[in-house]
Amino acid sequence: MSWLNFGSENKENPNMEQKVVVPSTQQQEKTIVHIQRLLGSHPSVQINASKPFEITKIENGVTLRVNKQAKQPDGEGPQISVTAVDKVSQEAANQLARHNKVIVTFLNLEA
């Protein structure tokens, strides 16, 4: 290659639509969500009385989507993304349990 025709060669830049995605042969593992149920008379429990569940760990995932409004069917209406350390309501915890494996532990906090 000579310096005189540097940069004049045609470079292919395939679009994402032209690329083929090959599915993995491994079976996808189910997402496991670890949730703590906060109980007791501690001020942190009393302040967040409407959201008594705290997501402590998510295995095989980073964020999960749940309904913002509890009365709508799963996946319909406004959605919010939750991740570890977020507090969620009883309805959101129920929705997570319908679609993922959920492990609940109880944490009793006293003032």
PDB file of N, CA and C in Angstrom:
ATOM      1  N   MET A   1       0.848  -1.182   0.000  1.00  0.00           N
ATOM      2  CA  MET A   1       0.000   0.000   0.000  1.00  0.00           C
ATOM      3  C   MET A   1       0.880   1.227   0.000  1.00  0.00           C
ATOM      4  N   SER A   2       0.555   2.113  -0.821  1.00  0.00           N
ATOM      5  CA  SER A   2       1.329   3.333  -0.954  1.00  0.00           C
ATOM      6  C   SER A   2       0.649   4.457  -0.178  1.00  0.00           C
ATOM      7  N   TRP A   3       1.400   5.429   0.228  1.00  0.00           N
ATOM      8  CA  TRP A   3       0.838   6.575   0.975  1.00  0.00           C
ATOM      9  C   TRP A   3      -0.020   7.450   0.088  1.00  0.00           C
ATOM     10  N   LEU A   4       0.123   7.340  -1.215  1.00  0.00           N
ATOM     11  CA  LEU A   4      -0.655   8.185  -2.111  1.00  0.00           C
ATOM     12  C   LEU A   4      -2.129   7.803  -2.132  1.00  0.00           C
ATOM     13  N   ASN A   5      -2.436   6.519  -2.021  1.00  0.00           N
ATOM     14  CA  ASN A   5      -3.841   6.119  -2.041  1.00  0.00           C
ATOM     15  C   ASN A   5      -4.320   5.675  -0.656  1.00  0.00           C
ATOM     16  N   PHE A   6      -3.722   6.181   0.416  1.00  0.00           N
ATOM     17  CA  PHE A   6      -4.153   5.868   1.775  1.00  0.00           C
ATOM     18  C   PHE A   6      -5.536   6.470   2.022  1.00  0.00           C
ATOM     19  N   GLY A   7      -6.443   5.680   2.463  1.00  0.00           N
ATOM     20  CA  GLY A   7      -7.787   6.155   2.766  1.00  0.00           C
ATOM     21  C   GLY A   7      -8.736   6.132   1.600  1.00  0.00           C
ATOM     22  N   SER A   8      -8.267   5.813   0.418  1.00  0.00           N
ATOM     23  CA  SER A   8      -9.156   5.816  -0.737  1.00  0.00           C
ATOM     24  C   SER A   8      -9.812   4.460  -0.960  1.00  0.00           C
ATOM     25  N   GLU A   9      -9.375   3.445  -0.218  1.00  0.00           N
ATOM     26  CA  GLU A   9      -9.976   2.123  -0.392  1.00  0.00           C
ATOM     27  C   GLU A   9     -11.368   2.101   0.229  1.00  0.00           C
ATOM     28  N   ASN A  10     -12.227   1.308  -0.320  1.00  0.00           N
ATOM     29  CA  ASN A  10     -13.602   1.191   0.176  1.00  0.00           C
ATOM     30  C   ASN A  10     -13.607   0.328   1.430  1.00  0.00           C
ATOM     31  N   LYS A  11     -14.178   0.842   2.473  1.00  0.00           N
ATOM     32  CA  LYS A  11     -14.292   0.095   3.726  1.00  0.00           C
ATOM     33  C   LYS A  11     -15.750  -0.279   3.923  1.00  0.00           C
ATOM     34  N   GLU A  12     -15.965  -1.556   4.255  1.00  0.00           N
ATOM     35  CA  GLU A  12     -17.332  -1.995   4.509  1.00  0.00           C
ATOM     36  C   GLU A  12     -17.745  -1.598   5.907  1.00  0.00           C
ATOM     37  N   ASN A  13     -18.946  -1.092   6.021  1.00  0.00           N
ATOM     38  CA  ASN A  13     -19.510  -0.752   7.324  1.00  0.00           C
ATOM     39  C   ASN A  13     -20.925  -1.328   7.359  1.00  0.00           C
ATOM     40  N   PRO A  14     -21.048  -2.636   7.675  1.00  0.00           N
ATOM     41  CA  PRO A  14     -22.380  -3.248   7.619  1.00  0.00           C
ATOM     42  C   PRO A  14     -23.303  -2.689   8.709  1.00  0.00           C
ATOM     43  N   ASN A  15     -24.527  -2.477   8.322  1.00  0.00           N
ATOM     44  CA  ASN A  15     -25.525  -2.020   9.282  1.00  0.00           C
ATOM     45  C   ASN A  15     -25.926  -3.165  10.189  1.00  0.00           C
ATOM     46  N   MET A  16     -26.535  -2.837  11.316  1.00  0.00           N
ATOM     47  CA  MET A  16     -26.979  -3.862  12.252  1.00  0.00           C
ATOM     48  C   MET A  16     -28.046  -4.755  11.630  1.00  0.00           C
ATOM     49  N   GLU A  17     -28.828  -4.225  10.678  1.00  0.00           N
ATOM     50  CA  GLU A  17     -29.881  -5.019  10.071  1.00  0.00           C
ATOM     51  C   GLU A  17     -29.305  -6.140   9.214  1.00  0.00           C
ATOM     52  N   GLN A  18     -28.089  -5.985   8.718  1.00  0.00           N
ATOM     53  CA  GLN A  18     -27.489  -6.966   7.847  1.00  0.00           C
ATOM     54  C   GLN A  18     -26.775  -8.072   8.619  1.00  0.00           C
ATOM     55  N   LYS A  19     -26.520  -7.870   9.897  1.00  0.00           N
ATOM     56  CA  LYS A  19     -25.814  -8.869  10.680  1.00  0.00           C
ATOM     57  C   LYS A  19     -26.781  -9.940  11.152  1.00  0.00           C
ATOM     58  N   VAL A  20     -26.276 -11.139  11.285  1.00  0.00           N
ATOM     59  CA  VAL A  20     -27.083 -12.270  11.719  1.00  0.00           C
ATOM     60  C   VAL A  20     -26.735 -12.574  13.169  1.00  0.00           C
ATOM     61  N   VAL A  21     -27.753 -12.719  14.006  1.00  0.00           N
ATOM     62  CA  VAL A  21     -27.550 -13.067  15.404  1.00  0.00           C
ATOM     63  C   VAL A  21     -27.776 -14.567  15.543  1.00  0.00           C
ATOM     64  N   VAL A  22     -26.774 -15.251  16.037  1.00  0.00           N
ATOM     65  CA  VAL A  22     -26.859 -16.690  16.227  1.00  0.00           C
ATOM     66  C   VAL A  22     -27.242 -16.945  17.677  1.00  0.00           C
ATOM     67  N   PRO A  23     -28.362 -17.641  17.937  1.00  0.00           N
ATOM     68  CA  PRO A  23     -28.756 -17.896  19.320  1.00  0.00           C
ATOM     69  C   PRO A  23     -27.781 -18.839  20.013  1.00  0.00           C
ATOM     70  N   SER A  24     -27.648 -18.641  21.300  1.00  0.00           N
ATOM     71  CA  SER A  24     -26.761 -19.472  22.097  1.00  0.00           C
ATOM     72  C   SER A  24     -27.336 -20.873  22.232  1.00  0.00           C
ATOM     73  N   THR A  25     -26.453 -21.845  22.300  1.00  0.00           N
ATOM     74  CA  THR A  25     -26.908 -23.214  22.475  1.00  0.00           C
ATOM     75  C   THR A  25     -27.155 -23.533  23.947  1.00  0.00           C
ATOM     76  N   GLN A  26     -26.669 -22.675  24.840  1.00  0.00           N
ATOM     77  CA  GLN A  26     -26.892 -22.887  26.259  1.00  0.00           C
ATOM     78  C   GLN A  26     -28.276 -22.385  26.634  1.00  0.00           C
ATOM     79  N   GLN A  27     -28.912 -23.114  27.541  1.00  0.00           N
ATOM     80  CA  GLN A  27     -30.230 -22.701  28.004  1.00  0.00           C
ATOM     81  C   GLN A  27     -30.075 -21.535  28.975  1.00  0.00           C
ATOM     82  N   GLN A  28     -30.894 -20.520  28.804  1.00  0.00           N
ATOM     83  CA  GLN A  28     -30.814 -19.354  29.667  1.00  0.00           C
ATOM     84  C   GLN A  28     -31.283 -19.717  31.063  1.00  0.00           C
ATOM     85  N   GLU A  29     -30.544 -19.261  32.064  1.00  0.00           N
ATOM     86  CA  GLU A  29     -30.930 -19.515  33.442  1.00  0.00           C
ATOM     87  C   GLU A  29     -31.990 -18.507  33.859  1.00  0.00           C
ATOM     88  N   LYS A  30     -32.866 -18.933  34.755  1.00  0.00           N
ATOM     89  CA  LYS A  30     -33.921 -18.067  35.236  1.00  0.00           C
ATOM     90  C   LYS A  30     -33.343 -17.042  36.206  1.00  0.00           C
ATOM     91  N   THR A  31     -33.867 -15.843  36.168  1.00  0.00           N
ATOM     92  CA  THR A  31     -33.415 -14.789  37.057  1.00  0.00           C
ATOM     93  C   THR A  31     -33.885 -15.080  38.476  1.00  0.00           C
ATOM     94  N   ILE A  32     -32.976 -14.925  39.427  1.00  0.00           N
ATOM     95  CA  ILE A  32     -33.282 -15.148  40.833  1.00  0.00           C
ATOM     96  C   ILE A  32     -33.198 -13.799  41.540  1.00  0.00           C
ATOM     97  N   VAL A  33     -34.280 -13.423  42.228  1.00  0.00           N
ATOM     98  CA  VAL A  33     -34.352 -12.141  42.923  1.00  0.00           C
ATOM     99  C   VAL A  33     -34.400 -12.412  44.420  1.00  0.00           C
ATOM    100  N   HIS A  34     -33.465 -11.806  45.158  1.00  0.00           N
ATOM    101  CA  HIS A  34     -33.445 -11.914  46.618  1.00  0.00           C
ATOM    102  C   HIS A  34     -34.088 -10.654  47.183  1.00  0.00           C
ATOM    103  N   ILE A  35     -35.133 -10.839  47.985  1.00  0.00           N
ATOM    104  CA  ILE A  35     -35.885  -9.714  48.552  1.00  0.00           C
ATOM    105  C   ILE A  35     -35.911  -9.846  50.069  1.00  0.00           C
ATOM    106  N   GLN A  36     -35.743  -8.707  50.762  1.00  0.00           N
ATOM    107  CA  GLN A  36     -35.896  -8.680  52.216  1.00  0.00           C
ATOM    108  C   GLN A  36     -37.210  -7.996  52.551  1.00  0.00           C
ATOM    109  N   ARG A  37     -37.944  -8.593  53.464  1.00  0.00           N
ATOM    110  CA  ARG A  37     -39.192  -8.002  53.968  1.00  0.00           C
ATOM    111  C   ARG A  37     -38.824  -7.284  55.253  1.00  0.00           C
ATOM    112  N   LEU A  38     -38.999  -5.974  55.280  1.00  0.00           N
ATOM    113  CA  LEU A  38     -38.626  -5.170  56.435  1.00  0.00           C
ATOM    114  C   LEU A  38     -39.781  -5.106  57.424  1.00  0.00           C
ATOM    115  N   LEU A  39     -39.503  -5.475  58.672  1.00  0.00           N
ATOM    116  CA  LEU A  39     -40.498  -5.468  59.736  1.00  0.00           C
ATOM    117  C   LEU A  39     -39.935  -4.721  60.945  1.00  0.00           C
ATOM    118  N   GLY A  40     -40.817  -4.318  61.870  1.00  0.00           N
ATOM    119  CA  GLY A  40     -40.366  -3.737  63.126  1.00  0.00           C
ATOM    120  C   GLY A  40     -40.757  -2.284  63.282  1.00  0.00           C
ATOM    121  N   SER A  41     -40.193  -1.689  64.325  1.00  0.00           N
ATOM    122  CA  SER A  41     -40.553  -0.309  64.673  1.00  0.00           C
ATOM    123  C   SER A  41     -39.440   0.679  64.364  1.00  0.00           C
ATOM    124  N   HIS A  42     -38.467   0.282  63.588  1.00  0.00           N
ATOM    125  CA  HIS A  42     -37.367   1.177  63.224  1.00  0.00           C
ATOM    126  C   HIS A  42     -37.883   2.285  62.309  1.00  0.00           C
ATOM    127  N   PRO A  43     -37.340   3.519  62.434  1.00  0.00           N
ATOM    128  CA  PRO A  43     -37.821   4.623  61.579  1.00  0.00           C
ATOM    129  C   PRO A  43     -37.701   4.355  60.081  1.00  0.00           C
ATOM    130  N   SER A  44     -36.681   3.622  59.652  1.00  0.00           N
ATOM    131  CA  SER A  44     -36.563   3.341  58.209  1.00  0.00           C
ATOM    132  C   SER A  44     -37.701   2.458  57.718  1.00  0.00           C
ATOM    133  N   VAL A  45     -38.250   1.637  58.598  1.00  0.00           N
ATOM    134  CA  VAL A  45     -39.396   0.799  58.232  1.00  0.00           C
ATOM    135  C   VAL A  45     -40.666   1.645  58.224  1.00  0.00           C
ATOM    136  N   GLN A  46     -40.807   2.548  59.181  1.00  0.00           N
ATOM    137  CA  GLN A  46     -42.008   3.367  59.286  1.00  0.00           C
ATOM    138  C   GLN A  46     -42.105   4.396  58.157  1.00  0.00           C
ATOM    139  N   ILE A  47     -40.986   4.918  57.718  1.00  0.00           N
ATOM    140  CA  ILE A  47     -40.991   5.932  56.651  1.00  0.00           C
ATOM    141  C   ILE A  47     -41.455   5.325  55.339  1.00  0.00           C
ATOM    142  N   ASN A  48     -41.004   4.121  55.030  1.00  0.00           N
ATOM    143  CA  ASN A  48     -41.353   3.450  53.774  1.00  0.00           C
ATOM    144  C   ASN A  48     -42.393   2.370  54.012  1.00  0.00           C
ATOM    145  N   ALA A  49     -43.463   2.707  54.680  1.00  0.00           N
ATOM    146  CA  ALA A  49     -44.485   1.708  55.004  1.00  0.00           C
ATOM    147  C   ALA A  49     -45.190   1.171  53.758  1.00  0.00           C
ATOM    148  N   SER A  50     -45.271   1.962  52.690  1.00  0.00           N
ATOM    149  CA  SER A  50     -45.948   1.500  51.477  1.00  0.00           C
ATOM    150  C   SER A  50     -45.056   0.600  50.623  1.00  0.00           C
ATOM    151  N   LYS A  51     -43.750   0.596  50.887  1.00  0.00           N
ATOM    152  CA  LYS A  51     -42.815  -0.249  50.135  1.00  0.00           C
ATOM    153  C   LYS A  51     -41.969  -1.056  51.122  1.00  0.00           C
ATOM    154  N   PRO A  52     -42.541  -2.122  51.678  1.00  0.00           N
ATOM    155  CA  PRO A  52     -41.830  -2.866  52.724  1.00  0.00           C
ATOM    156  C   PRO A  52     -40.817  -3.889  52.212  1.00  0.00           C
ATOM    157  N   PHE A  53     -40.662  -4.038  50.889  1.00  0.00           N
ATOM    158  CA  PHE A  53     -39.745  -5.023  50.343  1.00  0.00           C
ATOM    159  C   PHE A  53     -38.536  -4.313  49.738  1.00  0.00           C
ATOM    160  N   GLU A  54     -37.352  -4.856  50.005  1.00  0.00           N
ATOM    161  CA  GLU A  54     -36.128  -4.291  49.446  1.00  0.00           C
ATOM    162  C   GLU A  54     -35.407  -5.378  48.661  1.00  0.00           C
ATOM    163  N   ILE A  55     -35.064  -5.074  47.405  1.00  0.00           N
ATOM    164  CA  ILE A  55     -34.327  -6.018  46.568  1.00  0.00           C
ATOM    165  C   ILE A  55     -32.865  -5.965  47.003  1.00  0.00           C
ATOM    166  N   THR A  56     -32.336  -7.096  47.460  1.00  0.00           N
ATOM    167  CA  THR A  56     -30.956  -7.117  47.932  1.00  0.00           C
ATOM    168  C   THR A  56     -29.985  -7.652  46.890  1.00  0.00           C
ATOM    169  N   LYS A  57     -30.462  -8.513  45.990  1.00  0.00           N
ATOM    170  CA  LYS A  57     -29.565  -9.113  45.009  1.00  0.00           C
ATOM    171  C   LYS A  57     -30.373  -9.640  43.834  1.00  0.00           C
ATOM    172  N   ILE A  58     -29.816  -9.506  42.631  1.00  0.00           N
ATOM    173  CA  ILE A  58     -30.428 -10.059  41.425  1.00  0.00           C
ATOM    174  C   ILE A  58     -29.381 -10.931  40.748  1.00  0.00           C
ATOM    175  N   GLU A  59     -29.676 -12.223  40.615  1.00  0.00           N
ATOM    176  CA  GLU A  59     -28.772 -13.143  39.930  1.00  0.00           C
ATOM    177  C   GLU A  59     -29.242 -13.320  38.487  1.00  0.00           C
ATOM    178  N   ASN A  60     -28.320 -13.335  37.562  1.00  0.00           N
ATOM    179  CA  ASN A  60     -28.584 -13.484  36.122  1.00  0.00           C
ATOM    180  C   ASN A  60     -29.380 -12.313  35.566  1.00  0.00           C
ATOM    181  N   GLY A  61     -29.144 -11.128  36.074  1.00  0.00           N
ATOM    182  CA  GLY A  61     -29.815  -9.935  35.585  1.00  0.00           C
ATOM    183  C   GLY A  61     -29.300  -8.695  36.293  1.00  0.00           C
ATOM    184  N   VAL A  62     -29.626  -7.545  35.747  1.00  0.00           N
ATOM    185  CA  VAL A  62     -29.207  -6.283  36.347  1.00  0.00           C
ATOM    186  C   VAL A  62     -30.424  -5.459  36.742  1.00  0.00           C
ATOM    187  N   THR A  63     -31.350  -5.289  35.816  1.00  0.00           N
ATOM    188  CA  THR A  63     -32.571  -4.553  36.109  1.00  0.00           C
ATOM    189  C   THR A  63     -33.774  -5.385  35.702  1.00  0.00           C
ATOM    190  N   LEU A  64     -34.881  -5.136  36.361  1.00  0.00           N
ATOM    191  CA  LEU A  64     -36.144  -5.806  36.043  1.00  0.00           C
ATOM    192  C   LEU A  64     -37.214  -4.740  35.857  1.00  0.00           C
ATOM    193  N   ARG A  65     -38.194  -5.035  35.013  1.00  0.00           N
ATOM    194  CA  ARG A  65     -39.276  -4.085  34.760  1.00  0.00           C
ATOM    195  C   ARG A  65     -40.539  -4.584  35.444  1.00  0.00           C
ATOM    196  N   VAL A  66     -41.204  -3.680  36.165  1.00  0.00           N
ATOM    197  CA  VAL A  66     -42.473  -3.981  36.819  1.00  0.00           C
ATOM    198  C   VAL A  66     -43.457  -2.867  36.500  1.00  0.00           C
ATOM    199  N   ASN A  67     -44.739  -3.167  36.695  1.00  0.00           N
ATOM    200  CA  ASN A  67     -45.777  -2.165  36.457  1.00  0.00           C
ATOM    201  C   ASN A  67     -45.678  -1.050  37.483  1.00  0.00           C
ATOM    202  N   LYS A  68     -45.866   0.171  37.017  1.00  0.00           N
ATOM    203  CA  LYS A  68     -45.920   1.306  37.937  1.00  0.00           C
ATOM    204  C   LYS A  68     -47.276   1.328  38.637  1.00  0.00           C
ATOM    205  N   GLN A  69     -48.320   0.951  37.907  1.00  0.00           N
ATOM    206  CA  GLN A  69     -49.668   0.916  38.473  1.00  0.00           C
ATOM    207  C   GLN A  69     -50.033  -0.551  38.729  1.00  0.00           C
ATOM    208  N   ALA A  70     -50.393  -0.843  39.958  1.00  0.00           N
ATOM    209  CA  ALA A  70     -50.585  -2.229  40.380  1.00  0.00           C
ATOM    210  C   ALA A  70     -51.816  -2.885  39.783  1.00  0.00           C
ATOM    211  N   LYS A  71     -52.834  -2.111  39.415  1.00  0.00           N
ATOM    212  CA  LYS A  71     -54.101  -2.712  39.002  1.00  0.00           C
ATOM    213  C   LYS A  71     -54.112  -3.158  37.544  1.00  0.00           C
ATOM    214  N   GLN A  72     -53.095  -2.818  36.772  1.00  0.00           N
ATOM    215  CA  GLN A  72     -53.069  -3.214  35.372  1.00  0.00           C
ATOM    216  C   GLN A  72     -52.408  -4.576  35.210  1.00  0.00           C
ATOM    217  N   PRO A  73     -52.746  -5.302  34.132  1.00  0.00           N
ATOM    218  CA  PRO A  73     -52.108  -6.602  33.881  1.00  0.00           C
ATOM    219  C   PRO A  73     -50.600  -6.450  33.675  1.00  0.00           C
ATOM    220  N   ASP A  74     -49.866  -7.528  33.905  1.00  0.00           N
ATOM    221  CA  ASP A  74     -48.410  -7.493  33.789  1.00  0.00           C
ATOM    222  C   ASP A  74     -47.979  -7.034  32.407  1.00  0.00           C
ATOM    223  N   GLY A  75     -47.041  -6.098  32.365  1.00  0.00           N
ATOM    224  CA  GLY A  75     -46.488  -5.612  31.105  1.00  0.00           C
ATOM    225  C   GLY A  75     -47.288  -4.522  30.428  1.00  0.00           C
ATOM    226  N   GLU A  76     -48.439  -4.137  30.961  1.00  0.00           N
ATOM    227  CA  GLU A  76     -49.253  -3.089  30.357  1.00  0.00           C
ATOM    228  C   GLU A  76     -49.148  -1.818  31.173  1.00  0.00           C
ATOM    229  N   GLY A  77     -49.303  -0.702  30.497  1.00  0.00           N
ATOM    230  CA  GLY A  77     -49.233   0.582  31.186  1.00  0.00           C
ATOM    231  C   GLY A  77     -47.788   1.000  31.439  1.00  0.00           C
ATOM    232  N   PRO A  78     -47.615   2.045  32.245  1.00  0.00           N
ATOM    233  CA  PRO A  78     -46.263   2.529  32.519  1.00  0.00           C
ATOM    234  C   PRO A  78     -45.439   1.485  33.277  1.00  0.00           C
ATOM    235  N   GLN A  79     -44.186   1.353  32.892  1.00  0.00           N
ATOM    236  CA  GLN A  79     -43.275   0.397  33.515  1.00  0.00           C
ATOM    237  C   GLN A  79     -42.153   1.164  34.217  1.00  0.00           C
ATOM    238  N   ILE A  80     -41.642   0.592  35.309  1.00  0.00           N
ATOM    239  CA  ILE A  80     -40.476   1.153  35.973  1.00  0.00           C
ATOM    240  C   ILE A  80     -39.408   0.064  36.039  1.00  0.00           C
ATOM    241  N   SER A  81     -38.170   0.476  36.003  1.00  0.00           N
ATOM    242  CA  SER A  81     -37.051  -0.459  36.126  1.00  0.00           C
ATOM    243  C   SER A  81     -36.589  -0.465  37.574  1.00  0.00           C
ATOM    244  N   VAL A  82     -36.419  -1.651  38.128  1.00  0.00           N
ATOM    245  CA  VAL A  82     -35.915  -1.782  39.490  1.00  0.00           C
ATOM    246  C   VAL A  82     -34.627  -2.583  39.456  1.00  0.00           C
ATOM    247  N   THR A  83     -33.766  -2.299  40.398  1.00  0.00           N
ATOM    248  CA  THR A  83     -32.488  -2.989  40.511  1.00  0.00           C
ATOM    249  C   THR A  83     -32.206  -3.238  41.980  1.00  0.00           C
ATOM    250  N   ALA A  84     -31.047  -3.778  42.286  1.00  0.00           N
ATOM    251  CA  ALA A  84     -30.707  -4.069  43.673  1.00  0.00           C
ATOM    252  C   ALA A  84     -30.745  -2.795  44.511  1.00  0.00           C
ATOM    253  N   VAL A  85     -31.175  -2.904  45.741  1.00  0.00           N
ATOM    254  CA  VAL A  85     -31.289  -1.865  46.767  1.00  0.00           C
ATOM    255  C   VAL A  85     -32.535  -0.994  46.566  1.00  0.00           C
ATOM    256  N   ASP A  86     -33.342  -1.254  45.567  1.00  0.00           N
ATOM    257  CA  ASP A  86     -34.606  -0.525  45.410  1.00  0.00           C
ATOM    258  C   ASP A  86     -35.662  -1.123  46.331  1.00  0.00           C
ATOM    259  N   LYS A  87     -36.541  -0.266  46.825  1.00  0.00           N
ATOM    260  CA  LYS A  87     -37.662  -0.722  47.635  1.00  0.00           C
ATOM    261  C   LYS A  87     -38.886  -0.814  46.733  1.00  0.00           C
ATOM    262  N   VAL A  88     -39.657  -1.900  46.901  1.00  0.00           N
ATOM    263  CA  VAL A  88     -40.828  -2.116  46.054  1.00  0.00           C
ATOM    264  C   VAL A  88     -42.040  -2.427  46.924  1.00  0.00           C
ATOM    265  N   SER A  89     -43.215  -2.251  46.348  1.00  0.00           N
ATOM    266  CA  SER A  89     -44.470  -2.497  47.053  1.00  0.00           C
ATOM    267  C   SER A  89     -44.818  -3.980  47.029  1.00  0.00           C
ATOM    268  N   GLN A  90     -45.880  -4.334  47.726  1.00  0.00           N
ATOM    269  CA  GLN A  90     -46.361  -5.721  47.762  1.00  0.00           C
ATOM    270  C   GLN A  90     -46.759  -6.177  46.364  1.00  0.00           C
ATOM    271  N   GLU A  91     -47.446  -5.325  45.603  1.00  0.00           N
ATOM    272  CA  GLU A  91     -47.892  -5.683  44.255  1.00  0.00           C
ATOM    273  C   GLU A  91     -46.710  -5.906  43.317  1.00  0.00           C
ATOM    274  N   ALA A  92     -45.679  -5.049  43.413  1.00  0.00           N
ATOM    275  CA  ALA A  92     -44.494  -5.215  42.570  1.00  0.00           C
ATOM    276  C   ALA A  92     -43.745  -6.492  42.944  1.00  0.00           C
ATOM    277  N   ALA A  93     -43.678  -6.802  44.231  1.00  0.00           N
ATOM    278  CA  ALA A  93     -43.036  -8.051  44.667  1.00  0.00           C
ATOM    279  C   ALA A  93     -43.808  -9.261  44.141  1.00  0.00           C
ATOM    280  N   ASN A  94     -45.138  -9.183  44.141  1.00  0.00           N
ATOM    281  CA  ASN A  94     -45.956 -10.269  43.589  1.00  0.00           C
ATOM    282  C   ASN A  94     -45.697 -10.441  42.092  1.00  0.00           C
ATOM    283  N   GLN A  95     -45.579  -9.334  41.368  1.00  0.00           N
ATOM    284  CA  GLN A  95     -45.312  -9.413  39.935  1.00  0.00           C
ATOM    285  C   GLN A  95     -43.928 -10.013  39.681  1.00  0.00           C
ATOM    286  N   LEU A  96     -42.944  -9.631  40.470  1.00  0.00           N
ATOM    287  CA  LEU A  96     -41.614 -10.222  40.324  1.00  0.00           C
ATOM    288  C   LEU A  96     -41.667 -11.730  40.570  1.00  0.00           C
ATOM    289  N   ALA A  97     -42.461 -12.149  41.545  1.00  0.00           N
ATOM    290  CA  ALA A  97     -42.573 -13.572  41.867  1.00  0.00           C
ATOM    291  C   ALA A  97     -43.275 -14.354  40.761  1.00  0.00           C
ATOM    292  N   ARG A  98     -44.165 -13.712  39.999  1.00  0.00           N
ATOM    293  CA  ARG A  98     -44.849 -14.412  38.910  1.00  0.00           C
ATOM    294  C   ARG A  98     -43.916 -14.701  37.738  1.00  0.00           C
ATOM    295  N   HIS A  99     -42.893 -13.862  37.555  1.00  0.00           N
ATOM    296  CA  HIS A  99     -42.041 -13.986  36.375  1.00  0.00           C
ATOM    297  C   HIS A  99     -40.619 -14.448  36.679  1.00  0.00           C
ATOM    298  N   ASN A 100     -40.219 -14.462  37.931  1.00  0.00           N
ATOM    299  CA  ASN A 100     -38.858 -14.829  38.314  1.00  0.00           C
ATOM    300  C   ASN A 100     -38.911 -15.715  39.554  1.00  0.00           C
ATOM    301  N   LYS A 101     -37.792 -16.330  39.858  1.00  0.00           N
ATOM    302  CA  LYS A 101     -37.688 -17.056  41.119  1.00  0.00           C
ATOM    303  C   LYS A 101     -37.336 -16.027  42.194  1.00  0.00           C
ATOM    304  N   VAL A 102     -38.113 -15.998  43.270  1.00  0.00           N
ATOM    305  CA  VAL A 102     -37.913 -15.002  44.323  1.00  0.00           C
ATOM    306  C   VAL A 102     -37.628 -15.705  45.639  1.00  0.00           C
ATOM    307  N   ILE A 103     -36.604 -15.228  46.341  1.00  0.00           N
ATOM    308  CA  ILE A 103     -36.263 -15.719  47.669  1.00  0.00           C
ATOM    309  C   ILE A 103     -36.470 -14.569  48.643  1.00  0.00           C
ATOM    310  N   VAL A 104     -37.376 -14.767  49.603  1.00  0.00           N
ATOM    311  CA  VAL A 104     -37.715 -13.698  50.559  1.00  0.00           C
ATOM    312  C   VAL A 104     -37.136 -14.054  51.919  1.00  0.00           C
ATOM    313  N   THR A 105     -36.434 -13.078  52.523  1.00  0.00           N
ATOM    314  CA  THR A 105     -35.967 -13.214  53.898  1.00  0.00           C
ATOM    315  C   THR A 105     -36.574 -12.077  54.711  1.00  0.00           C
ATOM    316  N   PHE A 106     -36.768 -12.306  55.989  1.00  0.00           N
ATOM    317  CA  PHE A 106     -37.370 -11.296  56.856  1.00  0.00           C
ATOM    318  C   PHE A 106     -36.271 -10.622  57.659  1.00  0.00           C
ATOM    319  N   LEU A 107     -36.395  -9.305  57.821  1.00  0.00           N
ATOM    320  CA  LEU A 107     -35.446  -8.527  58.584  1.00  0.00           C
ATOM    321  C   LEU A 107     -36.235  -7.718  59.602  1.00  0.00           C
ATOM    322  N   ASN A 108     -36.069  -8.047  60.886  1.00  0.00           N
ATOM    323  CA  ASN A 108     -36.788  -7.374  61.943  1.00  0.00           C
ATOM    324  C   ASN A 108     -35.912  -6.260  62.505  1.00  0.00           C
ATOM    325  N   LEU A 109     -36.314  -5.017  62.293  1.00  0.00           N
ATOM    326  CA  LEU A 109     -35.555  -3.855  62.756  1.00  0.00           C
ATOM    327  C   LEU A 109     -36.297  -3.207  63.917  1.00  0.00           C
ATOM    328  N   GLU A 110     -35.644  -3.080  65.040  1.00  0.00           N
ATOM    329  CA  GLU A 110     -36.231  -2.430  66.220  1.00  0.00           C
ATOM    330  C   GLU A 110     -35.515  -1.106  66.456  1.00  0.00           C
ATOM    331  N   ALA A 111     -36.262  -0.130  66.959  1.00  0.00           N
ATOM    332  CA  ALA A 111     -35.695   1.197  67.230  1.00  0.00           C
ATOM    333  C   ALA A 111     -34.851   1.180  68.481  1.00  0.00           C
TER     334      ALA A 111
END
